[in-house]
Amino acid sequence: FTYDIEGLKKLFVTDGTVAGTILLKTGIQDFNGYTSFAILNNDIYFIGDNGMGAGFALWKSDGTPGGTALVNNTVSPG
């Protein structure tokens, strides 16, 4: 899910407890309102901005920090 911090939406994963809630990936800077997610083969796909000037890109995650990665940076949301 996303949570708004300092005006930017970040990606967190949680087990439903405060202690079990962590920021999933620090490199994803903003969802900018694009909070639709797709699930395929137990991975979640989403659009996010990595803050490196490339704009929005397609990401996927297996719910772990190490399993969250950029898939393709040549997509445009909408």
PDB file of N, CA and C in Angstrom:
ATOM      1  N   PHE A   1       0.843  -1.177   0.000  1.00  0.00           N
ATOM      2  CA  PHE A   1       0.000   0.000   0.000  1.00  0.00           C
ATOM      3  C   PHE A   1       0.877   1.224   0.000  1.00  0.00           C
ATOM      4  N   THR A   2       0.288   2.351  -0.216  1.00  0.00           N
ATOM      5  CA  THR A   2       1.065   3.580  -0.229  1.00  0.00           C
ATOM      6  C   THR A   2       0.703   4.432   0.978  1.00  0.00           C
ATOM      7  N   TYR A   3       1.619   5.255   1.381  1.00  0.00           N
ATOM      8  CA  TYR A   3       1.407   6.150   2.507  1.00  0.00           C
ATOM      9  C   TYR A   3       2.060   7.473   2.169  1.00  0.00           C
ATOM     10  N   ASP A   4       1.359   8.557   2.363  1.00  0.00           N
ATOM     11  CA  ASP A   4       1.848   9.863   1.987  1.00  0.00           C
ATOM     12  C   ASP A   4       2.831  10.399   3.030  1.00  0.00           C
ATOM     13  N   ILE A   5       4.072  10.613   2.623  1.00  0.00           N
ATOM     14  CA  ILE A   5       5.109  11.174   3.492  1.00  0.00           C
ATOM     15  C   ILE A   5       5.660  12.411   2.794  1.00  0.00           C
ATOM     16  N   GLU A   6       5.558  13.558   3.452  1.00  0.00           N
ATOM     17  CA  GLU A   6       6.086  14.803   2.903  1.00  0.00           C
ATOM     18  C   GLU A   6       5.581  15.064   1.488  1.00  0.00           C
ATOM     19  N   GLY A   7       4.323  14.719   1.224  1.00  0.00           N
ATOM     20  CA  GLY A   7       3.728  14.958  -0.080  1.00  0.00           C
ATOM     21  C   GLY A   7       4.008  13.906  -1.125  1.00  0.00           C
ATOM     22  N   LEU A   8       4.810  12.906  -0.785  1.00  0.00           N
ATOM     23  CA  LEU A   8       5.119  11.837  -1.726  1.00  0.00           C
ATOM     24  C   LEU A   8       4.526  10.520  -1.227  1.00  0.00           C
ATOM     25  N   LYS A   9       3.988   9.749  -2.136  1.00  0.00           N
ATOM     26  CA  LYS A   9       3.431   8.452  -1.764  1.00  0.00           C
ATOM     27  C   LYS A   9       4.520   7.395  -1.867  1.00  0.00           C
ATOM     28  N   LYS A  10       4.698   6.643  -0.806  1.00  0.00           N
ATOM     29  CA  LYS A  10       5.747   5.628  -0.742  1.00  0.00           C
ATOM     30  C   LYS A  10       5.120   4.242  -0.649  1.00  0.00           C
ATOM     31  N   LEU A  11       5.898   3.232  -0.969  1.00  0.00           N
ATOM     32  CA  LEU A  11       5.419   1.857  -0.946  1.00  0.00           C
ATOM     33  C   LEU A  11       5.913   1.162   0.324  1.00  0.00           C
ATOM     34  N   PHE A  12       4.964   0.674   1.103  1.00  0.00           N
ATOM     35  CA  PHE A  12       5.263  -0.056   2.332  1.00  0.00           C
ATOM     36  C   PHE A  12       4.694  -1.458   2.233  1.00  0.00           C
ATOM     37  N   VAL A  13       5.214  -2.353   3.038  1.00  0.00           N
ATOM     38  CA  VAL A  13       4.653  -3.686   3.210  1.00  0.00           C
ATOM     39  C   VAL A  13       4.402  -3.862   4.704  1.00  0.00           C
ATOM     40  N   THR A  14       3.325  -4.566   5.054  1.00  0.00           N
ATOM     41  CA  THR A  14       2.987  -4.717   6.468  1.00  0.00           C
ATOM     42  C   THR A  14       2.383  -6.077   6.753  1.00  0.00           C
ATOM     43  N   ASP A  15       2.571  -6.511   7.982  1.00  0.00           N
ATOM     44  CA  ASP A  15       1.876  -7.708   8.461  1.00  0.00           C
ATOM     45  C   ASP A  15       0.688  -7.302   9.332  1.00  0.00           C
ATOM     46  N   GLY A  16       0.385  -6.000   9.360  1.00  0.00           N
ATOM     47  CA  GLY A  16      -0.732  -5.478  10.129  1.00  0.00           C
ATOM     48  C   GLY A  16      -0.342  -4.902  11.471  1.00  0.00           C
ATOM     49  N   THR A  17       0.952  -4.934  11.799  1.00  0.00           N
ATOM     50  CA  THR A  17       1.425  -4.363  13.052  1.00  0.00           C
ATOM     51  C   THR A  17       2.368  -3.199  12.748  1.00  0.00           C
ATOM     52  N   VAL A  18       2.548  -2.329  13.729  1.00  0.00           N
ATOM     53  CA  VAL A  18       3.488  -1.220  13.565  1.00  0.00           C
ATOM     54  C   VAL A  18       4.904  -1.747  13.364  1.00  0.00           C
ATOM     55  N   ALA A  19       5.305  -2.705  14.165  1.00  0.00           N
ATOM     56  CA  ALA A  19       6.655  -3.265  14.067  1.00  0.00           C
ATOM     57  C   ALA A  19       6.874  -3.995  12.745  1.00  0.00           C
ATOM     58  N   GLY A  20       5.802  -4.523  12.173  1.00  0.00           N
ATOM     59  CA  GLY A  20       5.899  -5.278  10.936  1.00  0.00           C
ATOM     60  C   GLY A  20       5.621  -4.453   9.694  1.00  0.00           C
ATOM     61  N   THR A  21       5.686  -3.129   9.793  1.00  0.00           N
ATOM     62  CA  THR A  21       5.462  -2.240   8.660  1.00  0.00           C
ATOM     63  C   THR A  21       6.786  -1.596   8.275  1.00  0.00           C
ATOM     64  N   ILE A  22       7.240  -1.854   7.043  1.00  0.00           N
ATOM     65  CA  ILE A  22       8.527  -1.321   6.598  1.00  0.00           C
ATOM     66  C   ILE A  22       8.378  -0.680   5.221  1.00  0.00           C
ATOM     67  N   LEU A  23       9.237   0.298   4.950  1.00  0.00           N
ATOM     68  CA  LEU A  23       9.330   0.892   3.631  1.00  0.00           C
ATOM     69  C   LEU A  23       9.916  -0.160   2.707  1.00  0.00           C
ATOM     70  N   LEU A  24       9.208  -0.488   1.639  1.00  0.00           N
ATOM     71  CA  LEU A  24       9.618  -1.588   0.777  1.00  0.00           C
ATOM     72  C   LEU A  24      10.822  -1.258  -0.080  1.00  0.00           C
ATOM     73  N   LYS A  25      10.845  -0.061  -0.626  1.00  0.00           N
ATOM     74  CA  LYS A  25      11.954   0.305  -1.498  1.00  0.00           C
ATOM     75  C   LYS A  25      12.194   1.799  -1.379  1.00  0.00           C
ATOM     76  N   THR A  26      13.390   2.205  -1.021  1.00  0.00           N
ATOM     77  CA  THR A  26      13.685   3.620  -0.852  1.00  0.00           C
ATOM     78  C   THR A  26      13.866   4.342  -2.175  1.00  0.00           C
ATOM     79  N   GLY A  27      14.193   3.656  -3.246  1.00  0.00           N
ATOM     80  CA  GLY A  27      14.456   4.304  -4.527  1.00  0.00           C
ATOM     81  C   GLY A  27      13.223   4.765  -5.267  1.00  0.00           C
ATOM     82  N   ILE A  28      12.041   4.315  -4.869  1.00  0.00           N
ATOM     83  CA  ILE A  28      10.819   4.733  -5.538  1.00  0.00           C
ATOM     84  C   ILE A  28      10.356   6.010  -4.859  1.00  0.00           C
ATOM     85  N   GLN A  29      10.385   7.115  -5.575  1.00  0.00           N
ATOM     86  CA  GLN A  29      10.130   8.414  -4.977  1.00  0.00           C
ATOM     87  C   GLN A  29       8.661   8.772  -4.866  1.00  0.00           C
ATOM     88  N   ASP A  30       7.858   8.416  -5.865  1.00  0.00           N
ATOM     89  CA  ASP A  30       6.487   8.906  -5.860  1.00  0.00           C
ATOM     90  C   ASP A  30       5.614   8.060  -6.769  1.00  0.00           C
ATOM     91  N   PHE A  31       4.377   7.850  -6.347  1.00  0.00           N
ATOM     92  CA  PHE A  31       3.384   7.204  -7.197  1.00  0.00           C
ATOM     93  C   PHE A  31       2.542   8.236  -7.920  1.00  0.00           C
ATOM     94  N   ASN A  32       2.560   9.484  -7.454  1.00  0.00           N
ATOM     95  CA  ASN A  32       1.874  10.604  -8.083  1.00  0.00           C
ATOM     96  C   ASN A  32       0.410  10.289  -8.406  1.00  0.00           C
ATOM     97  N   GLY A  33      -0.250   9.567  -7.526  1.00  0.00           N
ATOM     98  CA  GLY A  33      -1.661   9.275  -7.730  1.00  0.00           C
ATOM     99  C   GLY A  33      -1.921   7.984  -8.478  1.00  0.00           C
ATOM    100  N   TYR A  34      -0.914   7.405  -9.068  1.00  0.00           N
ATOM    101  CA  TYR A  34      -1.084   6.145  -9.789  1.00  0.00           C
ATOM    102  C   TYR A  34      -0.951   5.003  -8.790  1.00  0.00           C
ATOM    103  N   THR A  35      -2.062   4.610  -8.227  1.00  0.00           N
ATOM    104  CA  THR A  35      -2.015   3.597  -7.174  1.00  0.00           C
ATOM    105  C   THR A  35      -2.733   2.318  -7.586  1.00  0.00           C
ATOM    106  N   SER A  36      -2.899   2.106  -8.871  1.00  0.00           N
ATOM    107  CA  SER A  36      -3.466   0.844  -9.333  1.00  0.00           C
ATOM    108  C   SER A  36      -2.353  -0.189  -9.368  1.00  0.00           C
ATOM    109  N   PHE A  37      -2.659  -1.353  -8.868  1.00  0.00           N
ATOM    110  CA  PHE A  37      -1.688  -2.431  -8.835  1.00  0.00           C
ATOM    111  C   PHE A  37      -2.228  -3.620  -9.610  1.00  0.00           C
ATOM    112  N   ALA A  38      -1.360  -4.392 -10.220  1.00  0.00           N
ATOM    113  CA  ALA A  38      -1.744  -5.626 -10.897  1.00  0.00           C
ATOM    114  C   ALA A  38      -0.943  -6.764 -10.288  1.00  0.00           C
ATOM    115  N   ILE A  39      -1.556  -7.924 -10.161  1.00  0.00           N
ATOM    116  CA  ILE A  39      -0.878  -9.090  -9.595  1.00  0.00           C
ATOM    117  C   ILE A  39      -0.757 -10.153 -10.672  1.00  0.00           C
ATOM    118  N   LEU A  40       0.441 -10.703 -10.825  1.00  0.00           N
ATOM    119  CA  LEU A  40       0.718 -11.756 -11.782  1.00  0.00           C
ATOM    120  C   LEU A  40       1.781 -12.670 -11.196  1.00  0.00           C
ATOM    121  N   ASN A  41       1.486 -13.950 -11.109  1.00  0.00           N
ATOM    122  CA  ASN A  41       2.439 -14.941 -10.592  1.00  0.00           C
ATOM    123  C   ASN A  41       3.017 -14.552  -9.232  1.00  0.00           C
ATOM    124  N   ASN A  42       2.155 -14.109  -8.320  1.00  0.00           N
ATOM    125  CA  ASN A  42       2.533 -13.724  -6.960  1.00  0.00           C
ATOM    126  C   ASN A  42       3.417 -12.487  -6.864  1.00  0.00           C
ATOM    127  N   ASP A  43       3.550 -11.745  -7.945  1.00  0.00           N
ATOM    128  CA  ASP A  43       4.253 -10.460  -7.933  1.00  0.00           C
ATOM    129  C   ASP A  43       3.233  -9.361  -8.139  1.00  0.00           C
ATOM    130  N   ILE A  44       3.497  -8.191  -7.565  1.00  0.00           N
ATOM    131  CA  ILE A  44       2.641  -7.026  -7.743  1.00  0.00           C
ATOM    132  C   ILE A  44       3.363  -6.061  -8.674  1.00  0.00           C
ATOM    133  N   TYR A  45       2.638  -5.524  -9.646  1.00  0.00           N
ATOM    134  CA  TYR A  45       3.189  -4.582 -10.615  1.00  0.00           C
ATOM    135  C   TYR A  45       2.552  -3.226 -10.400  1.00  0.00           C
ATOM    136  N   PHE A  46       3.337  -2.162 -10.553  1.00  0.00           N
ATOM    137  CA  PHE A  46       2.836  -0.820 -10.303  1.00  0.00           C
ATOM    138  C   PHE A  46       3.699   0.202 -11.032  1.00  0.00           C
ATOM    139  N   ILE A  47       3.169   1.417 -11.157  1.00  0.00           N
ATOM    140  CA  ILE A  47       3.893   2.526 -11.782  1.00  0.00           C
ATOM    141  C   ILE A  47       4.433   3.422 -10.673  1.00  0.00           C
ATOM    142  N   GLY A  48       5.704   3.787 -10.749  1.00  0.00           N
ATOM    143  CA  GLY A  48       6.312   4.679  -9.775  1.00  0.00           C
ATOM    144  C   GLY A  48       7.447   5.464 -10.393  1.00  0.00           C
ATOM    145  N   ASP A  49       7.851   6.532  -9.735  1.00  0.00           N
ATOM    146  CA  ASP A  49       8.939   7.384 -10.186  1.00  0.00           C
ATOM    147  C   ASP A  49      10.151   7.111  -9.302  1.00  0.00           C
ATOM    148  N   ASN A  50      11.288   6.811  -9.921  1.00  0.00           N
ATOM    149  CA  ASN A  50      12.481   6.512  -9.125  1.00  0.00           C
ATOM    150  C   ASN A  50      13.252   7.748  -8.714  1.00  0.00           C
ATOM    151  N   GLY A  51      12.787   8.928  -9.114  1.00  0.00           N
ATOM    152  CA  GLY A  51      13.435  10.167  -8.706  1.00  0.00           C
ATOM    153  C   GLY A  51      14.751  10.451  -9.394  1.00  0.00           C
ATOM    154  N   MET A  52      15.069   9.718 -10.452  1.00  0.00           N
ATOM    155  CA  MET A  52      16.342   9.883 -11.144  1.00  0.00           C
ATOM    156  C   MET A  52      16.197  10.654 -12.456  1.00  0.00           C
ATOM    157  N   GLY A  53      15.041  11.304 -12.648  1.00  0.00           N
ATOM    158  CA  GLY A  53      14.834  12.096 -13.845  1.00  0.00           C
ATOM    159  C   GLY A  53      14.281  11.331 -15.031  1.00  0.00           C
ATOM    160  N   ALA A  54      14.084  10.037 -14.890  1.00  0.00           N
ATOM    161  CA  ALA A  54      13.567   9.236 -16.003  1.00  0.00           C
ATOM    162  C   ALA A  54      12.048   9.249 -16.053  1.00  0.00           C
ATOM    163  N   GLY A  55      11.403   9.804 -15.035  1.00  0.00           N
ATOM    164  CA  GLY A  55       9.948   9.827 -14.994  1.00  0.00           C
ATOM    165  C   GLY A  55       9.388   8.522 -14.469  1.00  0.00           C
ATOM    166  N   PHE A  56       8.138   8.274 -14.786  1.00  0.00           N
ATOM    167  CA  PHE A  56       7.469   7.093 -14.253  1.00  0.00           C
ATOM    168  C   PHE A  56       7.862   5.844 -15.011  1.00  0.00           C
ATOM    169  N   ALA A  57       7.882   4.727 -14.295  1.00  0.00           N
ATOM    170  CA  ALA A  57       8.328   3.469 -14.860  1.00  0.00           C
ATOM    171  C   ALA A  57       7.525   2.320 -14.254  1.00  0.00           C
ATOM    172  N   LEU A  58       7.617   1.160 -14.874  1.00  0.00           N
ATOM    173  CA  LEU A  58       6.963  -0.041 -14.390  1.00  0.00           C
ATOM    174  C   LEU A  58       7.883  -0.774 -13.418  1.00  0.00           C
ATOM    175  N   TRP A  59       7.344  -1.072 -12.238  1.00  0.00           N
ATOM    176  CA  TRP A  59       8.069  -1.790 -11.191  1.00  0.00           C
ATOM    177  C   TRP A  59       7.328  -3.065 -10.854  1.00  0.00           C
ATOM    178  N   LYS A  60       8.030  -4.019 -10.224  1.00  0.00           N
ATOM    179  CA  LYS A  60       7.369  -5.196  -9.685  1.00  0.00           C
ATOM    180  C   LYS A  60       7.977  -5.521  -8.332  1.00  0.00           C
ATOM    181  N   SER A  61       7.190  -6.221  -7.507  1.00  0.00           N
ATOM    182  CA  SER A  61       7.657  -6.581  -6.178  1.00  0.00           C
ATOM    183  C   SER A  61       7.068  -7.918  -5.766  1.00  0.00           C
ATOM    184  N   ASP A  62       7.875  -8.686  -5.037  1.00  0.00           N
ATOM    185  CA  ASP A  62       7.378  -9.919  -4.430  1.00  0.00           C
ATOM    186  C   ASP A  62       7.047  -9.697  -2.958  1.00  0.00           C
ATOM    187  N   GLY A  63       7.068  -8.419  -2.528  1.00  0.00           N
ATOM    188  CA  GLY A  63       6.749  -8.076  -1.149  1.00  0.00           C
ATOM    189  C   GLY A  63       7.957  -7.972  -0.250  1.00  0.00           C
ATOM    190  N   THR A  64       9.154  -8.089  -0.828  1.00  0.00           N
ATOM    191  CA  THR A  64      10.383  -7.939  -0.054  1.00  0.00           C
ATOM    192  C   THR A  64      11.204  -6.806  -0.659  1.00  0.00           C
ATOM    193  N   PRO A  65      12.032  -6.139   0.149  1.00  0.00           N
ATOM    194  CA  PRO A  65      12.883  -5.080  -0.407  1.00  0.00           C
ATOM    195  C   PRO A  65      13.793  -5.587  -1.531  1.00  0.00           C
ATOM    196  N   GLY A  66      14.390  -6.761  -1.360  1.00  0.00           N
ATOM    197  CA  GLY A  66      15.271  -7.318  -2.378  1.00  0.00           C
ATOM    198  C   GLY A  66      14.549  -7.767  -3.634  1.00  0.00           C
ATOM    199  N   GLY A  67      13.271  -8.054  -3.511  1.00  0.00           N
ATOM    200  CA  GLY A  67      12.475  -8.509  -4.639  1.00  0.00           C
ATOM    201  C   GLY A  67      11.667  -7.413  -5.298  1.00  0.00           C
ATOM    202  N   THR A  68      12.007  -6.158  -5.028  1.00  0.00           N
ATOM    203  CA  THR A  68      11.327  -5.013  -5.627  1.00  0.00           C
ATOM    204  C   THR A  68      12.294  -4.359  -6.596  1.00  0.00           C
ATOM    205  N   ALA A  69      11.913  -4.326  -7.882  1.00  0.00           N
ATOM    206  CA  ALA A  69      12.853  -3.868  -8.885  1.00  0.00           C
ATOM    207  C   ALA A  69      12.156  -3.188 -10.064  1.00  0.00           C
ATOM    208  N   LEU A  70      12.911  -2.360 -10.755  1.00  0.00           N
ATOM    209  CA  LEU A  70      12.451  -1.708 -11.963  1.00  0.00           C
ATOM    210  C   LEU A  70      12.319  -2.759 -13.054  1.00  0.00           C
ATOM    211  N   VAL A  71      11.183  -2.755 -13.766  1.00  0.00           N
ATOM    212  CA  VAL A  71      10.962  -3.698 -14.863  1.00  0.00           C
ATOM    213  C   VAL A  71      11.267  -3.020 -16.182  1.00  0.00           C
ATOM    214  N   ASN A  72      10.703  -1.816 -16.382  1.00  0.00           N
ATOM    215  CA  ASN A  72      10.855  -1.120 -17.644  1.00  0.00           C
ATOM    216  C   ASN A  72      10.668   0.375 -17.403  1.00  0.00           C
ATOM    217  N   ASN A  73      11.610   1.192 -17.853  1.00  0.00           N
ATOM    218  CA  ASN A  73      11.489   2.636 -17.634  1.00  0.00           C
ATOM    219  C   ASN A  73      11.025   3.382 -18.869  1.00  0.00           C
ATOM    220  N   THR A  74      10.429   2.691 -19.831  1.00  0.00           N
ATOM    221  CA  THR A  74       9.971   3.350 -21.059  1.00  0.00           C
ATOM    222  C   THR A  74       8.447   3.369 -21.156  1.00  0.00           C
ATOM    223  N   VAL A  75       7.750   3.282 -20.033  1.00  0.00           N
ATOM    224  CA  VAL A  75       6.283   3.305 -20.038  1.00  0.00           C
ATOM    225  C   VAL A  75       5.786   4.639 -19.515  1.00  0.00           C
ATOM    226  N   SER A  76       4.576   4.995 -19.911  1.00  0.00           N
ATOM    227  CA  SER A  76       3.938   6.198 -19.429  1.00  0.00           C
ATOM    228  C   SER A  76       2.613   5.836 -18.794  1.00  0.00           C
ATOM    229  N   PRO A  77       2.337   6.311 -17.575  1.00  0.00           N
ATOM    230  CA  PRO A  77       1.042   6.017 -16.973  1.00  0.00           C
ATOM    231  C   PRO A  77      -0.081   6.668 -17.755  1.00  0.00           C
ATOM    232  N   GLY A  78      -1.220   6.001 -17.769  1.00  0.00           N
ATOM    233  CA  GLY A  78      -2.386   6.533 -18.458  1.00  0.00           C
ATOM    234  C   GLY A  78      -2.385   6.121 -19.888  1.00  0.00           C
TER     235      GLY A  78
END
